[in-house]
Amino acid sequence: MKSVTIAEASEKLSELFDAALRGEEVIITKDGQTSIKLTPATPIKSRQPGSAKGKVWMSEDFDEPLEEFKDYM
């Protein structure tokens, strides 16, 4: 774990970002109190075609007109 003050963080921001991306815990303190914790954003999983196969279905009458709207057709 790296713990730095705001003044140190402003001088070494790029270095602290790199440390957080490597998985290190980076804490920035102000007046001796923990203020900020740098952590990498969770990566979004890439989409994979067919991953929802079998999870989604439509009823046989999906495209049929709704009973409530017959007066408008």
N, C-alpha and C. Protein backbone atom coordinates (compact mmCIF):
# COMPACT_ATOMS: atom_id res chain seq x y z
N MET A 1 0.84 -1.18 0.00
CA MET A 1 0.00 0.00 0.00
C MET A 1 0.89 1.24 0.00
N LYS A 2 0.55 2.16 -0.87
CA LYS A 2 1.25 3.44 -0.91
C LYS A 2 0.33 4.48 -0.27
N SER A 3 0.88 5.28 0.62
CA SER A 3 0.13 6.37 1.23
C SER A 3 0.92 7.65 1.00
N VAL A 4 0.28 8.63 0.35
CA VAL A 4 0.95 9.87 0.03
C VAL A 4 0.04 11.05 0.38
N THR A 5 0.64 12.20 0.57
CA THR A 5 -0.13 13.41 0.81
C THR A 5 -0.59 13.99 -0.53
N ILE A 6 -1.48 14.96 -0.45
CA ILE A 6 -1.96 15.61 -1.67
C ILE A 6 -0.81 16.27 -2.42
N ALA A 7 0.10 16.91 -1.70
CA ALA A 7 1.24 17.57 -2.35
C ALA A 7 2.09 16.55 -3.09
N GLU A 8 2.36 15.40 -2.46
CA GLU A 8 3.16 14.36 -3.12
C GLU A 8 2.40 13.79 -4.31
N ALA A 9 1.09 13.63 -4.14
CA ALA A 9 0.29 13.05 -5.22
C ALA A 9 0.28 13.95 -6.45
N SER A 10 0.23 15.25 -6.24
CA SER A 10 0.22 16.16 -7.39
C SER A 10 1.53 16.09 -8.16
N GLU A 11 2.62 15.81 -7.48
CA GLU A 11 3.92 15.70 -8.15
C GLU A 11 4.08 14.36 -8.86
N LYS A 12 3.46 13.31 -8.32
CA LYS A 12 3.69 11.95 -8.82
C LYS A 12 2.42 11.30 -9.34
N LEU A 13 1.47 12.07 -9.85
CA LEU A 13 0.18 11.52 -10.24
C LEU A 13 0.29 10.39 -11.26
N SER A 14 1.10 10.58 -12.28
CA SER A 14 1.26 9.54 -13.30
C SER A 14 1.81 8.25 -12.69
N GLU A 15 2.78 8.39 -11.82
CA GLU A 15 3.38 7.23 -11.16
C GLU A 15 2.34 6.51 -10.28
N LEU A 16 1.51 7.27 -9.59
CA LEU A 16 0.47 6.69 -8.73
C LEU A 16 -0.60 5.98 -9.55
N PHE A 17 -0.96 6.55 -10.71
CA PHE A 17 -1.90 5.90 -11.60
C PHE A 17 -1.35 4.54 -12.03
N ASP A 18 -0.10 4.51 -12.42
CA ASP A 18 0.52 3.26 -12.86
C ASP A 18 0.51 2.23 -11.74
N ALA A 19 0.80 2.67 -10.52
CA ALA A 19 0.80 1.76 -9.37
C ALA A 19 -0.59 1.18 -9.14
N ALA A 20 -1.61 2.02 -9.24
CA ALA A 20 -2.99 1.54 -9.06
C ALA A 20 -3.36 0.55 -10.15
N LEU A 21 -2.94 0.81 -11.37
CA LEU A 21 -3.23 -0.11 -12.47
C LEU A 21 -2.53 -1.45 -12.30
N ARG A 22 -1.40 -1.46 -11.60
CA ARG A 22 -0.71 -2.72 -11.33
C ARG A 22 -1.36 -3.49 -10.18
N GLY A 23 -2.35 -2.86 -9.54
CA GLY A 23 -3.06 -3.54 -8.46
C GLY A 23 -2.65 -3.08 -7.08
N GLU A 24 -1.74 -2.13 -6.99
CA GLU A 24 -1.34 -1.62 -5.68
C GLU A 24 -2.43 -0.70 -5.13
N GLU A 25 -2.60 -0.72 -3.81
CA GLU A 25 -3.55 0.19 -3.19
C GLU A 25 -2.85 1.53 -2.98
N VAL A 26 -3.44 2.60 -3.50
CA VAL A 26 -2.85 3.93 -3.38
C VAL A 26 -3.82 4.80 -2.58
N ILE A 27 -3.35 5.32 -1.45
CA ILE A 27 -4.15 6.17 -0.58
C ILE A 27 -3.58 7.58 -0.60
N ILE A 28 -4.43 8.57 -0.81
CA ILE A 28 -4.00 9.96 -0.76
C ILE A 28 -4.62 10.56 0.50
N THR A 29 -3.77 11.18 1.30
CA THR A 29 -4.23 11.72 2.58
C THR A 29 -4.23 13.25 2.57
N LYS A 30 -5.08 13.79 3.42
CA LYS A 30 -5.14 15.24 3.61
C LYS A 30 -5.27 15.48 5.11
N ASP A 31 -4.37 16.26 5.66
CA ASP A 31 -4.36 16.54 7.10
C ASP A 31 -4.30 15.25 7.93
N GLY A 32 -3.57 14.26 7.42
CA GLY A 32 -3.40 13.01 8.15
C GLY A 32 -4.58 12.05 8.05
N GLN A 33 -5.62 12.43 7.34
CA GLN A 33 -6.81 11.60 7.18
C GLN A 33 -6.86 11.03 5.76
N THR A 34 -7.29 9.78 5.63
CA THR A 34 -7.47 9.19 4.31
C THR A 34 -8.54 9.96 3.56
N SER A 35 -8.21 10.43 2.37
CA SER A 35 -9.17 11.21 1.58
C SER A 35 -9.59 10.48 0.31
N ILE A 36 -8.63 9.90 -0.37
CA ILE A 36 -8.88 9.27 -1.67
C ILE A 36 -8.17 7.93 -1.74
N LYS A 37 -8.84 6.97 -2.36
CA LYS A 37 -8.20 5.67 -2.63
C LYS A 37 -8.26 5.46 -4.14
N LEU A 38 -7.10 5.30 -4.77
CA LEU A 38 -7.06 5.06 -6.22
C LEU A 38 -7.16 3.57 -6.48
N THR A 39 -8.10 3.22 -7.31
CA THR A 39 -8.24 1.83 -7.76
C THR A 39 -8.56 1.85 -9.25
N PRO A 40 -8.13 0.85 -9.98
CA PRO A 40 -8.45 0.83 -11.41
C PRO A 40 -9.93 0.55 -11.61
N ALA A 41 -10.49 1.13 -12.66
CA ALA A 41 -11.88 0.86 -13.01
C ALA A 41 -12.00 -0.59 -13.47
N THR A 42 -13.11 -1.20 -13.14
CA THR A 42 -13.35 -2.58 -13.56
C THR A 42 -13.53 -2.63 -15.07
N PRO A 43 -12.78 -3.46 -15.75
CA PRO A 43 -12.93 -3.52 -17.21
C PRO A 43 -14.29 -4.11 -17.59
N ILE A 44 -14.84 -3.60 -18.66
CA ILE A 44 -16.11 -4.12 -19.17
C ILE A 44 -15.82 -5.39 -19.94
N LYS A 45 -16.58 -6.43 -19.65
CA LYS A 45 -16.38 -7.68 -20.38
C LYS A 45 -16.75 -7.47 -21.84
N SER A 46 -15.99 -8.08 -22.70
CA SER A 46 -16.30 -7.95 -24.12
C SER A 46 -17.56 -8.74 -24.44
N ARG A 47 -18.30 -8.24 -25.39
CA ARG A 47 -19.54 -8.91 -25.77
C ARG A 47 -19.21 -10.18 -26.55
N GLN A 48 -20.05 -11.18 -26.38
CA GLN A 48 -19.83 -12.43 -27.08
C GLN A 48 -21.14 -12.86 -27.72
N PRO A 49 -21.19 -12.92 -29.06
CA PRO A 49 -22.42 -13.30 -29.74
C PRO A 49 -22.91 -14.67 -29.26
N GLY A 50 -24.21 -14.76 -29.03
CA GLY A 50 -24.80 -16.03 -28.63
C GLY A 50 -24.77 -16.31 -27.15
N SER A 51 -24.26 -15.37 -26.34
CA SER A 51 -24.13 -15.63 -24.91
C SER A 51 -25.49 -15.70 -24.19
N ALA A 52 -26.55 -15.17 -24.80
CA ALA A 52 -27.88 -15.20 -24.17
C ALA A 52 -28.77 -16.29 -24.78
N LYS A 53 -28.19 -17.15 -25.59
CA LYS A 53 -28.98 -18.20 -26.25
C LYS A 53 -29.67 -19.06 -25.20
N GLY A 54 -30.97 -19.23 -25.37
CA GLY A 54 -31.75 -20.03 -24.44
C GLY A 54 -32.26 -19.24 -23.25
N LYS A 55 -31.85 -18.00 -23.11
CA LYS A 55 -32.29 -17.19 -21.97
C LYS A 55 -33.43 -16.24 -22.33
N VAL A 56 -33.62 -16.00 -23.63
CA VAL A 56 -34.65 -15.08 -24.10
C VAL A 56 -35.60 -15.84 -25.00
N TRP A 57 -36.91 -15.57 -24.84
CA TRP A 57 -37.89 -16.21 -25.71
C TRP A 57 -39.02 -15.23 -25.99
N MET A 58 -39.76 -15.47 -27.07
CA MET A 58 -40.95 -14.67 -27.40
C MET A 58 -42.10 -15.63 -27.60
N SER A 59 -43.28 -15.20 -27.19
CA SER A 59 -44.46 -16.04 -27.37
C SER A 59 -44.80 -16.14 -28.85
N GLU A 60 -45.53 -17.16 -29.19
CA GLU A 60 -45.89 -17.39 -30.60
C GLU A 60 -46.72 -16.24 -31.17
N ASP A 61 -47.53 -15.60 -30.33
CA ASP A 61 -48.40 -14.52 -30.82
C ASP A 61 -47.79 -13.13 -30.60
N PHE A 62 -46.50 -13.04 -30.53
CA PHE A 62 -45.81 -11.77 -30.26
C PHE A 62 -46.19 -10.68 -31.26
N ASP A 63 -46.30 -11.01 -32.53
CA ASP A 63 -46.58 -10.02 -33.57
C ASP A 63 -48.08 -9.81 -33.82
N GLU A 64 -48.93 -10.53 -33.15
CA GLU A 64 -50.38 -10.40 -33.33
C GLU A 64 -50.86 -9.08 -32.73
N PRO A 65 -51.90 -8.48 -33.33
CA PRO A 65 -52.43 -7.23 -32.79
C PRO A 65 -52.99 -7.45 -31.37
N LEU A 66 -52.83 -6.45 -30.53
CA LEU A 66 -53.36 -6.54 -29.17
C LEU A 66 -54.86 -6.32 -29.18
N GLU A 67 -55.56 -7.06 -28.35
CA GLU A 67 -57.02 -6.98 -28.26
C GLU A 67 -57.46 -5.54 -27.96
N GLU A 68 -56.73 -4.84 -27.11
CA GLU A 68 -57.10 -3.49 -26.71
C GLU A 68 -57.05 -2.47 -27.86
N PHE A 69 -56.30 -2.77 -28.91
CA PHE A 69 -56.13 -1.82 -30.02
C PHE A 69 -56.92 -2.18 -31.26
N LYS A 70 -57.78 -3.18 -31.21
CA LYS A 70 -58.53 -3.59 -32.41
C LYS A 70 -59.41 -2.47 -32.94
N ASP A 71 -59.92 -1.61 -32.05
CA ASP A 71 -60.77 -0.49 -32.49
C ASP A 71 -60.00 0.53 -33.31
N TYR A 72 -58.71 0.58 -33.18
CA TYR A 72 -57.88 1.56 -33.87
C TYR A 72 -57.30 1.06 -35.17
N MET A 73 -57.56 -0.15 -35.52
CA MET A 73 -56.99 -0.73 -36.75
C MET A 73 -57.96 -0.72 -37.89
